[in-house]
N, C-alpha and C. Protein backbone atom coordinates (compact mmCIF):
# COMPACT_ATOMS: atom_id res chain seq x y z
N MET A 1 0.53 11.48 -3.46
CA MET A 1 -0.83 10.72 -3.68
C MET A 1 -2.13 11.78 -4.21
N LYS A 2 -1.91 12.92 -3.71
CA LYS A 2 -2.78 13.87 -4.23
C LYS A 2 -2.60 14.45 -5.60
N LYS A 3 -1.23 14.30 -6.07
CA LYS A 3 -0.88 14.72 -7.47
C LYS A 3 -1.31 13.57 -8.23
N VAL A 4 -1.29 12.29 -7.94
CA VAL A 4 -1.81 11.03 -8.71
C VAL A 4 -3.14 11.22 -8.82
N LEU A 5 -4.00 11.70 -7.71
CA LEU A 5 -5.39 11.79 -7.90
C LEU A 5 -5.68 12.99 -8.76
N PHE A 6 -5.08 13.93 -8.56
CA PHE A 6 -5.70 15.15 -9.50
C PHE A 6 -5.34 14.82 -10.98
N PHE A 7 -4.23 14.27 -11.35
CA PHE A 7 -3.78 13.73 -12.68
C PHE A 7 -4.93 12.74 -13.19
N ILE A 8 -5.29 11.88 -12.24
CA ILE A 8 -6.46 10.79 -12.80
C ILE A 8 -7.83 11.82 -13.05
N ALA A 9 -8.12 12.63 -12.23
CA ALA A 9 -9.37 13.42 -12.16
C ALA A 9 -9.29 14.16 -13.69
N ILE A 10 -8.18 14.66 -14.07
CA ILE A 10 -7.84 15.47 -15.18
C ILE A 10 -7.91 14.56 -16.37
N ILE A 11 -7.64 13.32 -16.41
CA ILE A 11 -7.81 12.30 -17.35
C ILE A 11 -9.15 11.97 -17.68
N ILE A 12 -9.90 11.79 -16.63
CA ILE A 12 -11.42 11.29 -16.61
C ILE A 12 -12.06 12.60 -17.20
N PHE A 13 -11.69 13.86 -16.79
CA PHE A 13 -12.68 14.95 -17.21
C PHE A 13 -12.45 14.98 -18.79
N SER A 14 -11.17 14.93 -19.27
CA SER A 14 -10.93 15.25 -20.60
C SER A 14 -11.49 14.35 -21.57
N ILE A 15 -11.36 12.98 -20.95
CA ILE A 15 -12.07 11.81 -21.95
C ILE A 15 -13.52 12.37 -22.05
N SER A 16 -14.25 12.42 -20.88
CA SER A 16 -15.67 12.77 -20.80
C SER A 16 -15.97 14.00 -21.64
N ALA A 17 -15.24 14.93 -21.55
CA ALA A 17 -15.58 16.04 -22.46
C ALA A 17 -15.53 15.74 -23.92
N ASN A 18 -14.39 15.30 -24.31
CA ASN A 18 -14.16 14.61 -25.63
C ASN A 18 -15.47 13.76 -25.99
N ALA A 19 -15.82 12.92 -25.37
CA ALA A 19 -17.00 11.75 -25.69
C ALA A 19 -17.91 12.58 -25.96
N GLN A 20 -18.44 13.72 -25.25
CA GLN A 20 -19.60 14.32 -25.07
C GLN A 20 -19.91 15.16 -26.25
N THR A 21 -18.76 15.53 -27.03
CA THR A 21 -18.99 16.38 -28.10
C THR A 21 -19.31 15.25 -29.53
N ASN A 22 -19.30 14.23 -29.16
CA ASN A 22 -20.05 13.68 -30.44
C ASN A 22 -21.25 12.73 -29.88
N ARG A 23 -22.35 13.39 -30.57
CA ARG A 23 -23.77 12.97 -30.05
C ARG A 23 -24.38 11.75 -30.48
N ILE A 24 -23.74 11.41 -31.73
CA ILE A 24 -24.03 9.86 -32.37
C ILE A 24 -23.33 8.87 -31.51
N ARG A 25 -24.03 7.72 -30.98
CA ARG A 25 -23.58 6.74 -30.02
C ARG A 25 -22.73 5.79 -31.34
N VAL A 26 -21.55 5.49 -30.88
CA VAL A 26 -20.91 4.48 -31.46
C VAL A 26 -21.00 3.25 -30.77
N PRO A 27 -21.19 1.99 -31.54
CA PRO A 27 -21.39 0.59 -30.58
C PRO A 27 -20.38 0.62 -29.61
N ASN A 28 -20.44 0.16 -28.34
CA ASN A 28 -19.57 0.12 -27.25
C ASN A 28 -18.35 -0.53 -27.73
N PHE A 29 -18.53 -1.68 -28.43
CA PHE A 29 -17.30 -2.72 -28.61
C PHE A 29 -16.27 -1.73 -29.55
N ARG A 30 -16.28 -0.78 -30.07
CA ARG A 30 -15.63 -0.10 -30.97
C ARG A 30 -15.08 1.20 -30.26
N GLN A 31 -15.31 1.37 -29.22
CA GLN A 31 -14.75 2.65 -28.42
C GLN A 31 -13.68 2.17 -27.56
N ASN A 32 -12.56 3.30 -27.59
CA ASN A 32 -11.60 3.33 -26.61
C ASN A 32 -12.15 3.60 -25.37
N ASN A 33 -11.32 3.02 -24.29
CA ASN A 33 -12.03 3.49 -22.87
C ASN A 33 -10.88 3.58 -21.75
N PHE A 34 -11.13 4.13 -21.02
CA PHE A 34 -10.28 4.42 -19.73
C PHE A 34 -11.20 4.08 -18.51
N ARG A 35 -10.33 3.23 -17.61
CA ARG A 35 -11.33 2.73 -16.27
C ARG A 35 -10.21 2.95 -15.15
N ILE A 36 -10.98 3.15 -13.89
CA ILE A 36 -10.51 3.32 -12.79
C ILE A 36 -11.25 2.28 -11.98
N ASN A 37 -10.34 1.44 -10.94
CA ASN A 37 -11.05 0.39 -10.46
C ASN A 37 -10.60 0.32 -8.69
N TYR A 38 -11.78 0.08 -7.90
CA TYR A 38 -11.49 -0.28 -6.67
C TYR A 38 -11.21 -1.64 -6.43
N ASP A 39 -10.35 -2.47 -5.88
CA ASP A 39 -9.86 -3.72 -5.83
C ASP A 39 -9.81 -4.39 -4.77
N VAL A 40 -10.55 -5.53 -4.55
CA VAL A 40 -10.38 -6.17 -3.28
C VAL A 40 -9.80 -7.45 -3.51
N ALA A 41 -8.76 -7.91 -2.67
CA ALA A 41 -8.07 -9.20 -3.25
C ALA A 41 -7.87 -10.42 -1.95
N VAL A 42 -8.04 -11.58 -2.50
CA VAL A 42 -8.18 -12.88 -1.65
C VAL A 42 -6.99 -13.45 -1.75
N PRO A 43 -5.96 -13.71 -0.57
CA PRO A 43 -4.52 -14.60 -1.07
C PRO A 43 -4.92 -15.94 -1.39
N LEU A 44 -4.02 -16.56 -2.03
CA LEU A 44 -4.34 -18.12 -2.25
C LEU A 44 -3.09 -18.67 -2.27
N GLY A 45 -3.23 -20.15 -2.49
CA GLY A 45 -2.02 -20.88 -2.26
C GLY A 45 -0.91 -20.57 -1.40
N LYS A 46 0.45 -20.75 -1.64
CA LYS A 46 1.49 -20.57 -0.46
C LYS A 46 1.47 -19.32 -0.22
N MET A 47 1.06 -18.14 -0.79
CA MET A 47 1.05 -16.89 -0.15
C MET A 47 0.17 -16.92 0.93
N SER A 48 -1.11 -17.78 1.13
CA SER A 48 -2.13 -17.63 1.99
C SER A 48 -1.50 -18.57 2.83
N ASN A 49 -1.05 -19.74 2.67
CA ASN A 49 -0.52 -20.82 3.58
C ASN A 49 0.76 -20.20 4.38
N ASP A 50 1.59 -19.52 3.65
CA ASP A 50 2.86 -19.40 4.41
C ASP A 50 3.10 -17.93 4.90
N PHE A 51 2.46 -17.05 4.50
CA PHE A 51 2.79 -15.68 4.73
C PHE A 51 1.54 -14.76 5.23
N ILE A 52 0.64 -14.48 4.38
CA ILE A 52 -0.57 -13.77 4.71
C ILE A 52 -2.04 -14.65 4.34
N ASN A 53 -2.97 -14.35 4.98
CA ASN A 53 -3.98 -15.17 4.73
C ASN A 53 -5.12 -13.99 4.99
N SER A 54 -5.30 -12.97 5.17
CA SER A 54 -6.14 -12.02 5.36
C SER A 54 -6.29 -11.34 4.10
N MET A 55 -7.97 -11.08 3.85
CA MET A 55 -8.36 -10.43 2.79
C MET A 55 -7.85 -8.88 2.66
N SER A 56 -7.55 -8.49 1.44
CA SER A 56 -6.99 -7.10 1.27
C SER A 56 -8.24 -6.12 1.03
N TRP A 57 -8.46 -5.18 1.63
CA TRP A 57 -9.52 -3.95 1.10
C TRP A 57 -8.83 -2.98 0.65
N ARG A 58 -7.51 -2.83 0.39
CA ARG A 58 -7.01 -1.74 -0.07
C ARG A 58 -6.39 -2.09 -1.55
N GLY A 59 -7.02 -1.54 -2.51
CA GLY A 59 -6.59 -1.63 -3.78
C GLY A 59 -7.31 -0.92 -4.74
N VAL A 60 -6.42 -0.50 -5.72
CA VAL A 60 -6.87 0.30 -6.99
C VAL A 60 -6.13 0.22 -7.96
N SER A 61 -6.73 0.38 -9.38
CA SER A 61 -5.99 0.13 -10.53
C SER A 61 -6.56 0.89 -11.40
N ILE A 62 -5.87 1.46 -12.61
CA ILE A 62 -6.40 2.26 -13.85
C ILE A 62 -5.95 1.51 -14.81
N GLU A 63 -6.71 1.57 -15.90
CA GLU A 63 -6.53 0.92 -17.18
C GLU A 63 -7.08 1.70 -18.41
N ASN A 64 -6.29 1.55 -19.44
CA ASN A 64 -6.73 2.30 -20.79
C ASN A 64 -6.82 1.17 -21.93
N ARG A 65 -7.88 0.91 -22.43
CA ARG A 65 -8.00 0.11 -23.56
C ARG A 65 -8.18 0.84 -24.85
N TRP A 66 -7.53 0.41 -25.95
CA TRP A 66 -7.80 1.06 -27.41
C TRP A 66 -8.28 0.08 -28.23
N ALA A 67 -9.23 0.37 -28.85
CA ALA A 67 -10.07 -0.66 -29.84
C ALA A 67 -9.13 -1.04 -31.27
N VAL A 68 -8.59 -1.99 -31.26
CA VAL A 68 -7.86 -2.37 -32.53
C VAL A 68 -8.54 -3.23 -33.51
N LYS A 69 -9.52 -4.05 -33.23
CA LYS A 69 -10.55 -4.49 -34.00
C LYS A 69 -11.94 -4.64 -33.32
N PRO A 70 -12.89 -4.96 -34.36
CA PRO A 70 -14.19 -5.19 -33.60
C PRO A 70 -14.32 -6.24 -32.59
N LYS A 71 -14.67 -5.94 -31.32
CA LYS A 71 -14.72 -6.95 -30.30
C LYS A 71 -13.19 -6.98 -29.49
N ILE A 72 -12.12 -6.44 -30.06
CA ILE A 72 -10.72 -6.74 -29.51
C ILE A 72 -10.21 -5.45 -29.03
N THR A 73 -9.65 -5.32 -27.70
CA THR A 73 -8.96 -4.07 -27.47
C THR A 73 -7.69 -4.58 -26.95
N ALA A 74 -6.72 -3.52 -26.86
CA ALA A 74 -5.22 -3.86 -26.56
C ALA A 74 -4.94 -2.22 -25.71
N GLY A 75 -4.44 -2.72 -24.34
CA GLY A 75 -3.96 -1.71 -23.43
C GLY A 75 -2.94 -2.05 -22.39
N PHE A 76 -3.28 -1.25 -21.16
CA PHE A 76 -2.33 -1.52 -20.02
C PHE A 76 -3.10 -1.42 -18.81
N LEU A 77 -2.53 -1.80 -17.74
CA LEU A 77 -3.06 -1.76 -16.46
C LEU A 77 -1.90 -1.47 -15.29
N ILE A 78 -2.24 -0.42 -14.41
CA ILE A 78 -1.39 -0.18 -13.54
C ILE A 78 -2.10 -0.17 -12.15
N GLY A 79 -1.45 -0.98 -11.24
CA GLY A 79 -2.38 -1.20 -10.06
C GLY A 79 -1.44 -1.28 -8.70
N TRP A 80 -2.15 -1.21 -7.38
CA TRP A 80 -1.71 -1.19 -6.20
C TRP A 80 -2.46 -1.98 -5.46
N GLN A 81 -2.08 -3.06 -4.73
CA GLN A 81 -2.91 -3.78 -3.89
C GLN A 81 -1.83 -3.94 -2.36
N VAL A 82 -2.36 -3.74 -1.32
CA VAL A 82 -1.75 -3.71 0.02
C VAL A 82 -2.51 -4.82 0.88
N PHE A 83 -1.63 -5.83 1.25
CA PHE A 83 -2.07 -6.84 2.32
C PHE A 83 -1.36 -6.59 3.51
N ALA A 84 -1.94 -6.97 4.63
CA ALA A 84 -1.30 -6.62 6.14
C ALA A 84 -2.28 -7.64 6.94
N GLN A 85 -1.45 -7.91 7.81
CA GLN A 85 -1.97 -9.09 8.82
C GLN A 85 -1.15 -9.02 10.11
N ARG A 86 -1.68 -9.16 11.28
CA ARG A 86 -0.85 -9.20 12.63
C ARG A 86 -1.00 -10.30 13.22
N PHE A 87 -0.42 -10.96 14.01
CA PHE A 87 -0.13 -12.40 14.55
C PHE A 87 0.39 -12.09 15.83
N ASP A 88 -0.52 -12.26 16.89
CA ASP A 88 -0.19 -12.01 18.22
C ASP A 88 0.45 -13.16 18.89
N ASN A 89 1.45 -12.87 19.62
CA ASN A 89 2.43 -13.86 20.54
C ASN A 89 2.82 -14.93 19.53
N TYR A 90 3.48 -14.40 18.63
CA TYR A 90 3.91 -15.37 17.37
C TYR A 90 5.63 -15.59 17.75
N THR A 91 5.86 -16.93 17.69
CA THR A 91 7.55 -17.41 18.04
C THR A 91 8.09 -17.42 16.58
N LEU A 92 9.11 -16.71 16.49
CA LEU A 92 9.85 -16.71 15.40
C LEU A 92 11.38 -17.53 15.67
N GLU A 93 11.69 -18.53 15.09
CA GLU A 93 12.99 -19.34 15.29
C GLU A 93 13.82 -19.15 14.52
N PHE A 94 15.04 -19.01 14.96
CA PHE A 94 16.32 -18.47 14.21
C PHE A 94 17.53 -19.67 14.43
N ASP A 95 18.43 -19.61 13.63
CA ASP A 95 19.53 -20.71 13.78
C ASP A 95 19.07 -22.06 14.19
N ASN A 96 18.37 -22.58 12.89
CA ASN A 96 17.89 -23.88 13.02
C ASN A 96 17.06 -24.19 14.16
N GLY A 97 16.36 -23.41 14.82
CA GLY A 97 15.75 -23.94 16.00
C GLY A 97 16.52 -23.41 17.51
N ASN A 98 17.56 -22.92 17.27
CA ASN A 98 18.62 -22.82 18.52
C ASN A 98 18.14 -21.46 19.52
N SER A 99 17.57 -20.52 18.73
CA SER A 99 17.02 -19.42 19.24
C SER A 99 15.88 -18.99 18.78
N ALA A 100 15.09 -17.96 19.37
CA ALA A 100 13.83 -17.83 19.09
C ALA A 100 13.52 -16.23 19.67
N LEU A 101 12.31 -15.65 18.95
CA LEU A 101 11.88 -14.31 19.31
C LEU A 101 10.41 -14.44 19.23
N THR A 102 9.91 -14.12 20.43
CA THR A 102 8.39 -14.00 20.62
C THR A 102 7.74 -12.88 20.71
N GLY A 103 6.76 -12.43 19.83
CA GLY A 103 6.14 -11.19 20.18
C GLY A 103 4.91 -10.89 19.17
N ASN A 104 4.24 -9.86 19.09
CA ASN A 104 3.35 -9.61 17.96
C ASN A 104 4.10 -9.23 16.69
N GLN A 105 3.72 -9.84 15.75
CA GLN A 105 4.42 -9.91 14.45
C GLN A 105 3.19 -9.42 13.42
N PHE A 106 3.91 -8.52 12.54
CA PHE A 106 3.29 -7.86 11.54
C PHE A 106 3.85 -8.27 10.08
N ARG A 107 2.89 -8.53 9.28
CA ARG A 107 3.39 -8.89 7.92
C ARG A 107 2.55 -7.98 7.04
N THR A 108 3.34 -7.55 5.69
CA THR A 108 2.82 -6.54 4.94
C THR A 108 3.27 -7.08 3.63
N ILE A 109 2.47 -6.85 2.41
CA ILE A 109 2.98 -7.19 1.04
C ILE A 109 2.34 -5.77 0.48
N ASN A 110 3.08 -4.95 -0.42
CA ASN A 110 2.43 -3.95 -1.30
C ASN A 110 2.90 -4.17 -2.65
N THR A 111 2.14 -4.48 -3.42
CA THR A 111 2.42 -5.00 -4.68
C THR A 111 1.88 -3.95 -5.87
N PHE A 112 2.88 -3.72 -6.97
CA PHE A 112 2.85 -2.77 -7.85
C PHE A 112 2.83 -3.45 -9.36
N PRO A 113 1.64 -4.00 -9.77
CA PRO A 113 1.71 -4.49 -11.10
C PRO A 113 1.54 -3.66 -12.42
N ILE A 114 2.41 -3.53 -13.42
CA ILE A 114 2.43 -2.86 -14.49
C ILE A 114 2.46 -4.17 -15.74
N GLN A 115 1.00 -3.98 -16.34
CA GLN A 115 0.85 -5.03 -17.39
C GLN A 115 0.54 -4.55 -18.67
N GLY A 116 0.61 -5.02 -19.83
CA GLY A 116 0.10 -4.76 -21.06
C GLY A 116 -1.09 -5.93 -21.12
N ASN A 117 -2.20 -5.84 -21.72
CA ASN A 117 -3.22 -6.64 -21.86
C ASN A 117 -4.04 -6.61 -23.07
N VAL A 118 -4.71 -7.73 -23.36
CA VAL A 118 -5.83 -7.69 -24.51
C VAL A 118 -7.27 -8.35 -24.11
N HIS A 119 -8.13 -7.72 -24.45
CA HIS A 119 -9.42 -8.15 -24.00
C HIS A 119 -10.25 -8.54 -25.32
N TYR A 120 -11.27 -9.33 -24.91
CA TYR A 120 -12.33 -9.86 -26.28
C TYR A 120 -13.63 -9.42 -25.74
N THR A 121 -14.62 -8.85 -26.23
CA THR A 121 -15.84 -8.57 -26.00
C THR A 121 -16.73 -9.67 -26.77
N PHE A 122 -17.53 -10.08 -26.02
CA PHE A 122 -18.33 -11.29 -26.71
C PHE A 122 -19.70 -10.99 -27.58
N LEU A 123 -20.12 -9.72 -27.30
CA LEU A 123 -21.40 -9.28 -27.93
C LEU A 123 -21.06 -7.86 -28.53
N ASP A 124 -21.63 -7.64 -29.88
CA ASP A 124 -21.15 -6.48 -30.54
C ASP A 124 -21.90 -5.32 -30.15
N ASN A 125 -22.92 -5.30 -29.91
CA ASN A 125 -23.58 -3.95 -29.24
C ASN A 125 -24.83 -4.39 -28.46
N SER A 126 -24.66 -4.70 -27.25
CA SER A 126 -25.37 -4.97 -26.27
C SER A 126 -25.44 -4.23 -24.97
N ALA A 127 -26.82 -4.06 -24.14
CA ALA A 127 -26.76 -3.13 -23.08
C ALA A 127 -25.90 -3.78 -22.07
N ILE A 128 -25.51 -5.01 -21.77
CA ILE A 128 -24.54 -5.34 -21.02
C ILE A 128 -23.33 -6.26 -21.92
N LEU A 129 -22.07 -5.80 -21.65
CA LEU A 129 -20.97 -6.36 -22.34
C LEU A 129 -20.21 -7.32 -21.34
N PRO A 130 -20.14 -8.68 -21.77
CA PRO A 130 -19.37 -9.29 -21.05
C PRO A 130 -18.03 -9.75 -21.79
N TRP A 131 -16.87 -9.85 -21.12
CA TRP A 131 -15.60 -9.61 -21.79
C TRP A 131 -14.77 -10.50 -21.10
N VAL A 132 -13.84 -11.19 -21.59
CA VAL A 132 -12.63 -11.84 -20.93
C VAL A 132 -11.21 -11.13 -21.26
N GLY A 133 -10.05 -11.45 -20.75
CA GLY A 133 -8.85 -10.91 -21.19
C GLY A 133 -7.63 -11.60 -20.63
N MET A 134 -6.51 -11.15 -20.90
CA MET A 134 -5.33 -11.90 -20.40
C MET A 134 -4.28 -10.58 -20.27
N GLY A 135 -3.26 -10.21 -19.05
CA GLY A 135 -2.64 -9.43 -18.86
C GLY A 135 -1.33 -10.00 -18.58
N ILE A 136 -0.17 -9.43 -19.13
CA ILE A 136 1.20 -9.77 -18.71
C ILE A 136 2.16 -8.66 -18.64
N GLY A 137 2.93 -8.95 -17.63
CA GLY A 137 3.87 -7.75 -17.64
C GLY A 137 4.88 -8.02 -16.16
N THR A 138 5.22 -7.07 -15.48
CA THR A 138 6.09 -7.05 -14.17
C THR A 138 5.26 -6.59 -13.10
N ALA A 139 5.85 -6.88 -12.08
CA ALA A 139 5.06 -6.53 -10.82
C ALA A 139 6.31 -6.25 -9.73
N TYR A 140 6.31 -5.00 -8.94
CA TYR A 140 7.21 -4.68 -8.07
C TYR A 140 6.63 -5.01 -6.72
N SER A 141 7.07 -5.81 -5.61
CA SER A 141 6.46 -6.03 -4.51
C SER A 141 7.44 -5.46 -3.08
N ASN A 142 6.67 -5.15 -2.20
CA ASN A 142 7.66 -4.88 -0.90
C ASN A 142 7.34 -5.64 0.11
N GLN A 143 7.88 -6.67 0.64
CA GLN A 143 7.30 -7.54 1.64
C GLN A 143 7.98 -7.53 2.79
N VAL A 144 7.38 -7.30 3.90
CA VAL A 144 7.98 -6.91 5.20
C VAL A 144 7.26 -7.94 6.31
N MET A 145 8.32 -8.23 7.03
CA MET A 145 7.79 -9.42 8.47
C MET A 145 8.69 -8.46 9.54
N GLN A 146 7.63 -7.99 10.54
CA GLN A 146 8.52 -7.43 11.64
C GLN A 146 7.95 -8.03 13.02
N VAL A 147 8.84 -8.20 13.76
CA VAL A 147 8.69 -8.51 15.34
C VAL A 147 9.59 -7.92 16.16
N GLY A 148 8.94 -7.01 16.97
CA GLY A 148 9.44 -6.03 17.84
C GLY A 148 10.82 -5.33 16.95
N PHE A 149 11.95 -5.10 17.36
CA PHE A 149 12.85 -4.52 16.39
C PHE A 149 13.51 -5.22 15.48
N TYR A 150 13.07 -6.49 15.24
CA TYR A 150 13.80 -7.11 14.12
C TYR A 150 12.55 -7.06 13.05
N GLU A 151 13.35 -6.85 11.71
CA GLU A 151 12.45 -6.48 10.47
C GLU A 151 13.20 -7.48 9.50
N ASP A 152 12.36 -7.86 8.85
CA ASP A 152 13.20 -8.74 7.38
C ASP A 152 12.18 -7.98 6.20
N ARG A 153 12.90 -7.01 5.51
CA ARG A 153 12.14 -6.60 4.57
C ARG A 153 12.76 -7.06 3.25
N ARG A 154 12.06 -7.18 2.14
CA ARG A 154 12.37 -7.84 0.86
C ARG A 154 11.81 -6.94 -0.20
N ASN A 155 12.52 -6.36 -1.22
CA ASN A 155 11.96 -5.90 -2.29
C ASN A 155 12.21 -6.78 -3.74
N ILE A 156 10.93 -7.29 -4.23
CA ILE A 156 10.88 -8.14 -5.18
C ILE A 156 10.20 -7.83 -6.43
N MET A 157 10.98 -8.27 -7.70
CA MET A 157 10.46 -8.18 -8.95
C MET A 157 10.21 -9.57 -9.52
N SER A 158 8.92 -9.49 -10.26
CA SER A 158 8.15 -10.60 -10.66
C SER A 158 7.54 -10.59 -12.00
N LEU A 159 7.44 -11.56 -12.64
CA LEU A 159 6.82 -11.88 -13.81
C LEU A 159 5.27 -11.93 -13.49
N SER A 160 4.54 -11.21 -14.00
CA SER A 160 3.16 -11.02 -13.78
C SER A 160 2.23 -11.70 -14.84
N LEU A 161 1.29 -12.55 -14.39
CA LEU A 161 0.34 -13.35 -15.41
C LEU A 161 -1.40 -12.98 -15.05
N THR A 162 -1.99 -12.60 -15.64
CA THR A 162 -3.32 -12.27 -15.09
C THR A 162 -4.48 -12.77 -15.83
N PRO A 163 -4.92 -13.70 -15.90
CA PRO A 163 -6.48 -13.67 -16.78
C PRO A 163 -7.59 -13.21 -16.04
N GLN A 164 -8.60 -12.73 -16.71
CA GLN A 164 -9.60 -11.79 -16.20
C GLN A 164 -10.85 -11.92 -16.98
N ALA A 165 -11.91 -11.74 -16.24
CA ALA A 165 -13.21 -11.62 -16.83
C ALA A 165 -13.90 -10.41 -16.10
N GLY A 166 -15.12 -10.08 -17.00
CA GLY A 166 -16.15 -8.98 -16.45
C GLY A 166 -17.33 -8.63 -17.44
N ILE A 167 -17.91 -7.84 -16.77
CA ILE A 167 -19.09 -7.33 -17.55
C ILE A 167 -19.07 -5.68 -17.10
N ASP A 168 -19.53 -5.01 -18.36
CA ASP A 168 -19.81 -3.63 -18.36
C ASP A 168 -21.42 -3.43 -18.42
N ILE A 169 -21.60 -2.40 -17.59
CA ILE A 169 -23.18 -1.99 -17.68
C ILE A 169 -23.43 -0.51 -17.90
N PRO A 170 -23.77 -0.15 -19.02
CA PRO A 170 -23.85 1.22 -19.34
C PRO A 170 -24.70 2.28 -18.40
N ILE A 171 -24.09 3.13 -18.08
CA ILE A 171 -24.90 4.51 -17.34
C ILE A 171 -25.58 5.42 -18.31
N ASP A 172 -24.63 5.63 -19.16
CA ASP A 172 -25.28 6.63 -20.34
C ASP A 172 -24.35 6.52 -21.42
N LYS A 173 -24.42 7.34 -22.56
CA LYS A 173 -23.72 7.11 -23.67
C LYS A 173 -22.24 6.89 -23.56
N VAL A 174 -21.53 7.32 -22.65
CA VAL A 174 -20.08 7.23 -22.48
C VAL A 174 -19.60 6.64 -21.27
N SER A 175 -20.44 6.26 -20.19
CA SER A 175 -19.97 5.88 -18.92
C SER A 175 -20.69 4.27 -18.71
N SER A 176 -19.90 3.65 -18.27
CA SER A 176 -20.38 2.42 -17.62
C SER A 176 -19.84 1.83 -16.26
N ILE A 177 -20.57 1.06 -15.74
CA ILE A 177 -20.05 0.47 -14.17
C ILE A 177 -19.66 -0.86 -14.57
N SER A 178 -18.15 -1.25 -14.30
CA SER A 178 -17.67 -2.46 -14.92
C SER A 178 -17.60 -3.32 -13.53
N PHE A 179 -17.86 -4.69 -13.68
CA PHE A 179 -17.50 -5.72 -12.45
C PHE A 179 -16.67 -6.77 -13.09
N SER A 180 -15.57 -6.76 -12.46
CA SER A 180 -14.50 -7.93 -12.97
C SER A 180 -13.76 -8.62 -11.84
N THR A 181 -13.33 -9.89 -12.27
CA THR A 181 -12.33 -10.59 -11.51
C THR A 181 -11.13 -10.77 -12.00
N ARG A 182 -9.83 -10.79 -11.36
CA ARG A 182 -8.43 -11.07 -12.11
C ARG A 182 -7.78 -11.89 -11.07
N TYR A 183 -7.23 -13.32 -11.76
CA TYR A 183 -6.38 -13.85 -11.27
C TYR A 183 -4.90 -13.58 -11.21
N ASN A 184 -4.38 -13.12 -10.24
CA ASN A 184 -2.91 -12.55 -10.09
C ASN A 184 -1.85 -13.60 -9.90
N LEU A 185 -0.99 -14.12 -10.69
CA LEU A 185 -0.11 -14.75 -10.41
C LEU A 185 1.45 -14.13 -10.59
N PHE A 186 2.04 -13.72 -9.51
CA PHE A 186 3.46 -13.17 -9.82
C PHE A 186 4.71 -14.27 -9.48
N LEU A 187 5.24 -14.51 -10.50
CA LEU A 187 6.53 -15.53 -10.45
C LEU A 187 7.55 -14.90 -10.30
N HIS A 188 8.50 -15.45 -8.89
CA HIS A 188 9.90 -14.98 -8.74
C HIS A 188 10.64 -15.85 -8.52
N SER A 189 11.84 -16.31 -8.85
CA SER A 189 12.74 -17.42 -8.72
C SER A 189 13.69 -17.28 -7.52
N ASN A 190 13.66 -16.05 -6.67
CA ASN A 190 14.53 -15.92 -5.67
C ASN A 190 13.87 -15.83 -4.32
N GLN A 191 12.57 -16.21 -4.18
CA GLN A 191 11.72 -16.21 -2.79
C GLN A 191 11.26 -17.53 -2.61
N ALA A 192 10.90 -17.62 -1.46
CA ALA A 192 10.24 -19.16 -1.06
C ALA A 192 8.98 -19.60 -1.44
N PHE A 193 8.28 -18.39 -1.92
CA PHE A 193 6.75 -18.78 -2.42
C PHE A 193 6.69 -17.75 -3.42
N ASN A 194 5.63 -17.94 -4.49
CA ASN A 194 5.19 -16.96 -5.36
C ASN A 194 3.76 -16.43 -4.84
N TYR A 195 3.63 -15.30 -5.43
CA TYR A 195 2.32 -14.56 -4.94
C TYR A 195 1.26 -14.91 -5.86
N SER A 196 0.13 -15.60 -5.22
CA SER A 196 -1.22 -15.70 -6.19
C SER A 196 -2.36 -15.06 -5.41
N PHE A 197 -3.22 -14.57 -6.09
CA PHE A 197 -4.34 -13.77 -5.26
C PHE A 197 -5.49 -13.47 -6.51
N LEU A 198 -6.79 -13.53 -6.07
CA LEU A 198 -7.90 -13.35 -6.83
C LEU A 198 -8.31 -11.80 -6.18
N VAL A 199 -8.60 -11.02 -7.30
CA VAL A 199 -8.80 -9.62 -7.26
C VAL A 199 -10.24 -9.75 -7.61
N PHE A 200 -11.23 -8.90 -6.94
CA PHE A 200 -12.63 -8.52 -7.26
C PHE A 200 -12.69 -6.98 -7.48
N SER A 201 -13.21 -6.37 -8.60
CA SER A 201 -13.07 -5.14 -8.94
C SER A 201 -14.71 -4.71 -9.28
N VAL A 202 -14.68 -3.34 -8.87
CA VAL A 202 -15.91 -2.64 -9.16
C VAL A 202 -15.26 -1.20 -9.65
N GLY A 203 -15.56 -0.63 -11.24
CA GLY A 203 -14.87 0.40 -11.46
C GLY A 203 -15.88 1.10 -12.35
N LEU A 204 -15.36 2.27 -12.88
CA LEU A 204 -16.01 3.39 -13.74
C LEU A 204 -15.27 3.23 -15.12
N LYS A 205 -16.04 2.74 -16.04
CA LYS A 205 -15.58 3.00 -17.56
C LYS A 205 -15.92 4.12 -18.16
N GLN A 206 -15.19 4.88 -18.79
CA GLN A 206 -15.41 6.17 -19.54
C GLN A 206 -14.67 5.93 -21.03
N SER A 207 -15.79 6.05 -21.96
CA SER A 207 -15.59 5.67 -23.28
C SER A 207 -15.09 7.02 -24.00
N TYR A 208 -14.23 7.00 -25.09
CA TYR A 208 -13.93 7.94 -25.90
C TYR A 208 -13.63 7.57 -27.27
N PHE A 209 -13.62 8.47 -28.15
CA PHE A 209 -13.40 7.96 -29.52
C PHE A 209 -11.91 8.39 -30.09
């Protein structure tokens, strides 16, 4: 983890140094940009009803977006979201109800999406830039249910679809604060339910040319 954070810090510093060498401001919508986000997530649908309904306060994502046309960027997102919940005195039935195990149950889901994305910015060169986007890719998830010494662990690969929207508010010539929301839908055919959750993000956007 320390190596990852050190690597991200180097990227941000390099982008900032490169951007500061150009004193002429280029319209925001024409700039390539790198982002790091803090993510909070709310489970929805069967994921909430059948496994975990507790909000996740542990999430992070990084993005890079390249300007391909005025108002349009293409890039990628890599994320990590952790869901966890404890159920006290939970009874787990086996063998069609013929046996059961009672105890404190712990459930966790770690998700790691990797996506390509496309974004559209509505305004040409405004102080506040609203945008919408769509991400598609894959996600690796580790799902665990534990009661006492019994543990059910599953590793899941999914197709990930993520519509999203947000706004960027500039701090200076190259930096902005970003507020956004993403709806994550992870589809997998070999599990009892798909993952669906809403992500609320606040992040730092660093532009470069």
